[in-house]
Amino acid sequence: MVEKNDLPKSTNIVDSRDVKLDYLYNKLIHEQTTEAGVELQEEIAYRMKVDKVFNTVFEGQNSTETLPVTDFDCLRMLMSHYKEHCGDWEDYSLKHVRFLSNTCETAEPYQILQVANQLKSVCQ
């Protein structure tokens, strides 16, 4: 029988949202090309843009708490609004969906519209 301590320990555990970043980083390390460096810089810039959008619109809100989603129409609307004004959803940006779902579950209708307008404003 194999004991838990006998199993090899992974030294390269990567969050699923960070696989692309990890891949591009390792690609740069191994290839050491300008193209690989540009790809990594573009990914970092994309992440910074996404973080800026959500940090600006949802400033001061707790990002670790995720409420169960019941208002799917609202969530679809806010996700579509983000996609239309801010760009496609990718693995990294999907980690911020909880902000949208929490808004749909706790905010008044006028506040939800304010969030939609803020997303549009920040992304332009």
N, C-alpha and C. Protein backbone atom coordinates (compact mmCIF):
# COMPACT_ATOMS: atom_id res chain seq x y z
N MET A 1 0.84 -1.17 0.00
CA MET A 1 0.00 0.00 0.00
C MET A 1 0.89 1.25 0.00
N VAL A 2 0.51 2.24 -0.80
CA VAL A 2 1.27 3.47 -0.90
C VAL A 2 0.78 4.44 0.16
N GLU A 3 1.71 4.92 0.93
CA GLU A 3 1.39 5.90 1.96
C GLU A 3 1.35 7.30 1.35
N LYS A 4 0.59 8.17 1.97
CA LYS A 4 0.47 9.54 1.49
C LYS A 4 1.83 10.23 1.39
N ASN A 5 2.70 10.00 2.35
CA ASN A 5 4.01 10.64 2.37
C ASN A 5 4.95 10.08 1.30
N ASP A 6 4.62 8.91 0.73
CA ASP A 6 5.46 8.30 -0.30
C ASP A 6 5.18 8.87 -1.69
N LEU A 7 4.07 9.58 -1.85
CA LEU A 7 3.73 10.14 -3.15
C LEU A 7 4.63 11.33 -3.46
N PRO A 8 5.00 11.46 -4.74
CA PRO A 8 5.84 12.62 -5.10
C PRO A 8 5.07 13.92 -4.90
N LYS A 9 5.76 14.91 -4.43
CA LYS A 9 5.14 16.21 -4.21
C LYS A 9 5.32 17.05 -5.47
N SER A 10 4.22 17.64 -5.92
CA SER A 10 4.29 18.50 -7.08
C SER A 10 4.86 19.84 -6.66
N THR A 11 5.82 20.30 -7.42
CA THR A 11 6.41 21.59 -7.12
C THR A 11 5.89 22.66 -8.07
N ASN A 12 4.97 22.26 -8.94
CA ASN A 12 4.48 23.21 -9.94
C ASN A 12 2.95 23.22 -9.96
N ILE A 13 2.34 23.46 -8.82
CA ILE A 13 0.90 23.54 -8.75
C ILE A 13 0.48 24.94 -9.18
N VAL A 14 -0.41 24.98 -10.18
CA VAL A 14 -0.82 26.26 -10.74
C VAL A 14 -2.34 26.32 -10.72
N ASP A 15 -2.87 27.43 -10.22
CA ASP A 15 -4.30 27.67 -10.26
C ASP A 15 -4.77 27.61 -11.71
N SER A 16 -5.92 27.04 -11.94
CA SER A 16 -6.42 26.89 -13.31
C SER A 16 -6.54 28.23 -14.03
N ARG A 17 -6.79 29.29 -13.30
CA ARG A 17 -6.90 30.62 -13.91
C ARG A 17 -5.54 31.16 -14.34
N ASP A 18 -4.48 30.55 -13.84
CA ASP A 18 -3.13 31.04 -14.12
C ASP A 18 -2.34 30.14 -15.06
N VAL A 19 -2.98 29.14 -15.64
CA VAL A 19 -2.27 28.22 -16.52
C VAL A 19 -1.65 28.95 -17.71
N LYS A 20 -2.40 29.84 -18.32
CA LYS A 20 -1.87 30.57 -19.48
C LYS A 20 -0.66 31.40 -19.09
N LEU A 21 -0.73 32.10 -17.97
CA LEU A 21 0.39 32.91 -17.50
C LEU A 21 1.61 32.02 -17.23
N ASP A 22 1.40 30.90 -16.57
CA ASP A 22 2.48 29.97 -16.26
C ASP A 22 3.10 29.43 -17.55
N TYR A 23 2.25 29.08 -18.50
CA TYR A 23 2.73 28.57 -19.79
C TYR A 23 3.59 29.61 -20.49
N LEU A 24 3.10 30.85 -20.56
CA LEU A 24 3.85 31.91 -21.25
C LEU A 24 5.16 32.23 -20.53
N TYR A 25 5.13 32.19 -19.22
CA TYR A 25 6.36 32.43 -18.44
C TYR A 25 7.39 31.35 -18.75
N ASN A 26 6.96 30.09 -18.70
CA ASN A 26 7.88 28.98 -18.98
C ASN A 26 8.36 29.00 -20.43
N LYS A 27 7.49 29.40 -21.33
CA LYS A 27 7.87 29.53 -22.74
C LYS A 27 8.99 30.56 -22.88
N LEU A 28 8.86 31.68 -22.20
CA LEU A 28 9.90 32.71 -22.25
C LEU A 28 11.21 32.19 -21.67
N ILE A 29 11.14 31.50 -20.55
CA ILE A 29 12.34 30.97 -19.90
C ILE A 29 13.07 30.00 -20.83
N HIS A 30 12.30 29.13 -21.50
CA HIS A 30 12.92 28.09 -22.34
C HIS A 30 13.33 28.60 -23.71
N GLU A 31 12.52 29.45 -24.32
CA GLU A 31 12.81 29.92 -25.68
C GLU A 31 13.67 31.18 -25.69
N GLN A 32 13.49 32.03 -24.70
CA GLN A 32 14.21 33.30 -24.60
C GLN A 32 14.16 34.10 -25.90
N THR A 33 12.93 34.24 -26.44
CA THR A 33 12.74 35.00 -27.66
C THR A 33 11.95 36.27 -27.36
N THR A 34 12.10 37.24 -28.24
CA THR A 34 11.34 38.48 -28.11
C THR A 34 9.85 38.20 -28.22
N GLU A 35 9.49 37.31 -29.13
CA GLU A 35 8.07 36.98 -29.32
C GLU A 35 7.46 36.40 -28.03
N ALA A 36 8.17 35.52 -27.37
CA ALA A 36 7.68 34.94 -26.11
C ALA A 36 7.56 36.02 -25.04
N GLY A 37 8.50 36.96 -25.04
CA GLY A 37 8.44 38.05 -24.07
C GLY A 37 7.24 38.96 -24.32
N VAL A 38 6.96 39.22 -25.59
CA VAL A 38 5.81 40.06 -25.94
C VAL A 38 4.51 39.37 -25.54
N GLU A 39 4.42 38.07 -25.79
CA GLU A 39 3.21 37.33 -25.40
C GLU A 39 2.97 37.40 -23.89
N LEU A 40 4.03 37.25 -23.12
CA LEU A 40 3.91 37.33 -21.66
C LEU A 40 3.50 38.73 -21.24
N GLN A 41 4.10 39.74 -21.83
CA GLN A 41 3.74 41.13 -21.50
C GLN A 41 2.28 41.41 -21.84
N GLU A 42 1.80 40.89 -22.97
CA GLU A 42 0.40 41.10 -23.35
C GLU A 42 -0.55 40.45 -22.35
N GLU A 43 -0.20 39.26 -21.88
CA GLU A 43 -1.04 38.58 -20.89
C GLU A 43 -1.06 39.36 -19.58
N ILE A 44 0.08 39.84 -19.17
CA ILE A 44 0.14 40.64 -17.93
C ILE A 44 -0.66 41.92 -18.07
N ALA A 45 -0.56 42.57 -19.22
CA ALA A 45 -1.33 43.80 -19.46
C ALA A 45 -2.82 43.51 -19.46
N TYR A 46 -3.22 42.40 -20.05
CA TYR A 46 -4.64 42.01 -20.05
C TYR A 46 -5.13 41.82 -18.62
N ARG A 47 -4.36 41.12 -17.81
CA ARG A 47 -4.75 40.87 -16.42
C ARG A 47 -4.85 42.17 -15.62
N MET A 48 -3.93 43.06 -15.87
CA MET A 48 -3.96 44.34 -15.17
C MET A 48 -5.21 45.13 -15.58
N LYS A 49 -5.58 45.07 -16.85
CA LYS A 49 -6.78 45.75 -17.32
C LYS A 49 -8.03 45.16 -16.65
N VAL A 50 -8.12 43.84 -16.62
CA VAL A 50 -9.27 43.18 -15.99
C VAL A 50 -9.35 43.54 -14.51
N ASP A 51 -8.23 43.47 -13.82
CA ASP A 51 -8.21 43.81 -12.40
C ASP A 51 -8.63 45.26 -12.17
N LYS A 52 -8.15 46.15 -13.04
CA LYS A 52 -8.51 47.56 -12.91
C LYS A 52 -10.02 47.75 -13.06
N VAL A 53 -10.61 47.09 -14.04
CA VAL A 53 -12.06 47.21 -14.26
C VAL A 53 -12.80 46.80 -13.00
N PHE A 54 -12.52 45.63 -12.49
CA PHE A 54 -13.28 45.12 -11.34
C PHE A 54 -12.92 45.85 -10.05
N ASN A 55 -11.67 46.25 -9.89
CA ASN A 55 -11.30 47.02 -8.69
C ASN A 55 -11.95 48.40 -8.70
N THR A 56 -12.13 48.97 -9.87
CA THR A 56 -12.75 50.29 -9.97
C THR A 56 -14.26 50.21 -9.74
N VAL A 57 -14.90 49.28 -10.42
CA VAL A 57 -16.37 49.17 -10.32
C VAL A 57 -16.80 48.65 -8.96
N PHE A 58 -16.04 47.73 -8.40
CA PHE A 58 -16.44 47.08 -7.15
C PHE A 58 -15.48 47.43 -6.01
N GLU A 59 -15.00 48.65 -5.99
CA GLU A 59 -14.05 49.10 -4.99
C GLU A 59 -14.57 48.84 -3.58
N GLY A 60 -13.72 48.18 -2.79
CA GLY A 60 -14.05 47.95 -1.38
C GLY A 60 -14.95 46.76 -1.11
N GLN A 61 -15.39 46.06 -2.15
CA GLN A 61 -16.25 44.90 -1.92
C GLN A 61 -15.41 43.65 -1.69
N ASN A 62 -15.93 42.76 -0.88
CA ASN A 62 -15.25 41.51 -0.55
C ASN A 62 -15.31 40.56 -1.75
N SER A 63 -14.16 40.22 -2.29
CA SER A 63 -14.13 39.36 -3.47
C SER A 63 -14.07 37.88 -3.13
N THR A 64 -13.96 37.53 -1.84
CA THR A 64 -13.84 36.12 -1.49
C THR A 64 -15.19 35.46 -1.24
N GLU A 65 -16.19 36.23 -0.94
CA GLU A 65 -17.51 35.68 -0.66
C GLU A 65 -18.29 35.56 -1.97
N THR A 66 -18.85 34.37 -2.18
CA THR A 66 -19.68 34.15 -3.37
C THR A 66 -21.03 33.63 -2.92
N LEU A 67 -22.06 34.39 -3.23
CA LEU A 67 -23.42 33.99 -2.88
C LEU A 67 -23.97 33.05 -3.94
N PRO A 68 -24.87 32.15 -3.57
CA PRO A 68 -25.49 31.28 -4.57
C PRO A 68 -26.28 32.13 -5.58
N VAL A 69 -26.19 31.77 -6.83
CA VAL A 69 -26.86 32.53 -7.88
C VAL A 69 -28.30 32.05 -8.03
N THR A 70 -29.22 33.01 -7.98
CA THR A 70 -30.63 32.70 -8.25
C THR A 70 -31.18 33.58 -9.37
N ASP A 71 -30.58 34.75 -9.55
CA ASP A 71 -31.06 35.67 -10.58
C ASP A 71 -30.17 35.55 -11.82
N PHE A 72 -30.42 34.49 -12.59
CA PHE A 72 -29.59 34.22 -13.76
C PHE A 72 -29.80 35.23 -14.88
N ASP A 73 -30.99 35.80 -14.98
CA ASP A 73 -31.23 36.83 -16.00
C ASP A 73 -30.34 38.04 -15.76
N CYS A 74 -30.25 38.45 -14.53
CA CYS A 74 -29.40 39.58 -14.17
C CYS A 74 -27.93 39.26 -14.47
N LEU A 75 -27.49 38.06 -14.06
CA LEU A 75 -26.10 37.68 -14.28
C LEU A 75 -25.78 37.62 -15.77
N ARG A 76 -26.68 37.05 -16.56
CA ARG A 76 -26.48 37.01 -18.02
C ARG A 76 -26.37 38.42 -18.59
N MET A 77 -27.22 39.31 -18.10
CA MET A 77 -27.22 40.69 -18.59
C MET A 77 -25.88 41.37 -18.27
N LEU A 78 -25.41 41.25 -17.02
CA LEU A 78 -24.15 41.89 -16.65
C LEU A 78 -22.96 41.26 -17.37
N MET A 79 -22.98 39.95 -17.54
CA MET A 79 -21.89 39.29 -18.26
C MET A 79 -21.88 39.70 -19.72
N SER A 80 -23.04 39.83 -20.32
CA SER A 80 -23.12 40.30 -21.71
C SER A 80 -22.65 41.74 -21.82
N HIS A 81 -23.01 42.54 -20.85
CA HIS A 81 -22.59 43.94 -20.84
C HIS A 81 -21.07 44.04 -20.75
N TYR A 82 -20.47 43.23 -19.89
CA TYR A 82 -19.01 43.21 -19.78
C TYR A 82 -18.40 42.80 -21.13
N LYS A 83 -18.91 41.74 -21.70
CA LYS A 83 -18.37 41.23 -22.97
C LYS A 83 -18.47 42.29 -24.07
N GLU A 84 -19.59 42.97 -24.13
CA GLU A 84 -19.81 43.98 -25.16
C GLU A 84 -18.85 45.16 -25.01
N HIS A 85 -18.60 45.59 -23.80
CA HIS A 85 -17.82 46.81 -23.59
C HIS A 85 -16.37 46.57 -23.17
N CYS A 86 -16.10 45.42 -22.59
CA CYS A 86 -14.76 45.18 -22.05
C CYS A 86 -14.00 44.08 -22.78
N GLY A 87 -14.67 43.24 -23.51
CA GLY A 87 -14.01 42.16 -24.23
C GLY A 87 -14.49 40.80 -23.77
N ASP A 88 -14.02 39.79 -24.49
CA ASP A 88 -14.43 38.42 -24.20
C ASP A 88 -14.00 37.99 -22.81
N TRP A 89 -14.77 37.06 -22.28
CA TRP A 89 -14.42 36.44 -21.02
C TRP A 89 -13.33 35.41 -21.29
N GLU A 90 -12.32 35.37 -20.45
CA GLU A 90 -11.27 34.37 -20.52
C GLU A 90 -11.12 33.76 -19.14
N ASP A 91 -10.29 32.75 -19.04
CA ASP A 91 -10.13 32.06 -17.76
C ASP A 91 -9.85 33.04 -16.62
N TYR A 92 -8.96 33.97 -16.85
CA TYR A 92 -8.60 34.90 -15.78
C TYR A 92 -9.76 35.81 -15.40
N SER A 93 -10.43 36.39 -16.38
CA SER A 93 -11.51 37.33 -16.07
C SER A 93 -12.70 36.63 -15.41
N LEU A 94 -12.88 35.34 -15.69
CA LEU A 94 -14.01 34.61 -15.10
C LEU A 94 -13.93 34.53 -13.57
N LYS A 95 -12.74 34.71 -13.03
CA LYS A 95 -12.64 34.67 -11.56
C LYS A 95 -13.38 35.83 -10.91
N HIS A 96 -13.67 36.86 -11.69
CA HIS A 96 -14.36 38.04 -11.17
C HIS A 96 -15.88 37.98 -11.32
N VAL A 97 -16.40 36.91 -11.89
CA VAL A 97 -17.86 36.80 -12.08
C VAL A 97 -18.59 36.88 -10.75
N ARG A 98 -17.95 36.47 -9.69
CA ARG A 98 -18.60 36.52 -8.37
C ARG A 98 -19.03 37.94 -8.00
N PHE A 99 -18.29 38.95 -8.45
CA PHE A 99 -18.71 40.33 -8.21
C PHE A 99 -20.07 40.59 -8.86
N LEU A 100 -20.19 40.13 -10.10
CA LEU A 100 -21.45 40.33 -10.82
C LEU A 100 -22.58 39.54 -10.18
N SER A 101 -22.32 38.28 -9.85
CA SER A 101 -23.38 37.46 -9.26
C SER A 101 -23.79 37.99 -7.89
N ASN A 102 -22.83 38.44 -7.09
CA ASN A 102 -23.16 39.01 -5.78
C ASN A 102 -23.99 40.28 -5.94
N THR A 103 -23.68 41.08 -6.96
CA THR A 103 -24.47 42.28 -7.23
C THR A 103 -25.90 41.90 -7.57
N CYS A 104 -26.06 40.90 -8.42
CA CYS A 104 -27.41 40.46 -8.80
C CYS A 104 -28.21 39.96 -7.61
N GLU A 105 -27.53 39.38 -6.65
CA GLU A 105 -28.22 38.79 -5.50
C GLU A 105 -28.51 39.79 -4.38
N THR A 106 -27.77 40.90 -4.34
CA THR A 106 -27.91 41.79 -3.18
C THR A 106 -28.34 43.22 -3.53
N ALA A 107 -28.15 43.62 -4.77
CA ALA A 107 -28.38 45.03 -5.12
C ALA A 107 -29.81 45.27 -5.58
N GLU A 108 -30.20 46.51 -5.46
CA GLU A 108 -31.49 46.97 -5.98
C GLU A 108 -31.36 47.15 -7.49
N PRO A 109 -32.47 47.10 -8.23
CA PRO A 109 -32.40 47.24 -9.69
C PRO A 109 -31.62 48.47 -10.17
N TYR A 110 -31.79 49.61 -9.51
CA TYR A 110 -31.07 50.81 -9.94
C TYR A 110 -29.57 50.64 -9.73
N GLN A 111 -29.16 49.91 -8.70
CA GLN A 111 -27.73 49.68 -8.45
C GLN A 111 -27.14 48.74 -9.49
N ILE A 112 -27.92 47.78 -9.94
CA ILE A 112 -27.47 46.87 -10.99
C ILE A 112 -27.23 47.65 -12.28
N LEU A 113 -28.12 48.57 -12.59
CA LEU A 113 -27.94 49.41 -13.78
C LEU A 113 -26.72 50.31 -13.63
N GLN A 114 -26.47 50.79 -12.41
CA GLN A 114 -25.27 51.59 -12.17
C GLN A 114 -24.00 50.77 -12.44
N VAL A 115 -24.00 49.52 -12.02
CA VAL A 115 -22.84 48.65 -12.27
C VAL A 115 -22.65 48.46 -13.77
N ALA A 116 -23.74 48.22 -14.50
CA ALA A 116 -23.65 48.06 -15.95
C ALA A 116 -23.07 49.32 -16.59
N ASN A 117 -23.53 50.48 -16.15
CA ASN A 117 -23.01 51.74 -16.69
C ASN A 117 -21.55 51.96 -16.32
N GLN A 118 -21.17 51.58 -15.12
CA GLN A 118 -19.78 51.72 -14.70
C GLN A 118 -18.87 50.81 -15.52
N LEU A 119 -19.32 49.59 -15.80
CA LEU A 119 -18.52 48.68 -16.62
C LEU A 119 -18.26 49.33 -17.99
N LYS A 120 -19.33 49.88 -18.57
CA LYS A 120 -19.19 50.52 -19.87
C LYS A 120 -18.22 51.69 -19.79
N SER A 121 -18.35 52.51 -18.78
CA SER A 121 -17.52 53.70 -18.62
C SER A 121 -16.05 53.34 -18.41
N VAL A 122 -15.78 52.38 -17.55
CA VAL A 122 -14.40 52.01 -17.23
C VAL A 122 -13.72 51.35 -18.42
N CYS A 123 -14.47 50.63 -19.22
CA CYS A 123 -13.88 49.88 -20.32
C CYS A 123 -13.70 50.68 -21.59
N GLN A 124 -14.25 51.89 -21.66
CA GLN A 124 -14.11 52.67 -22.88
C GLN A 124 -12.77 53.35 -22.96
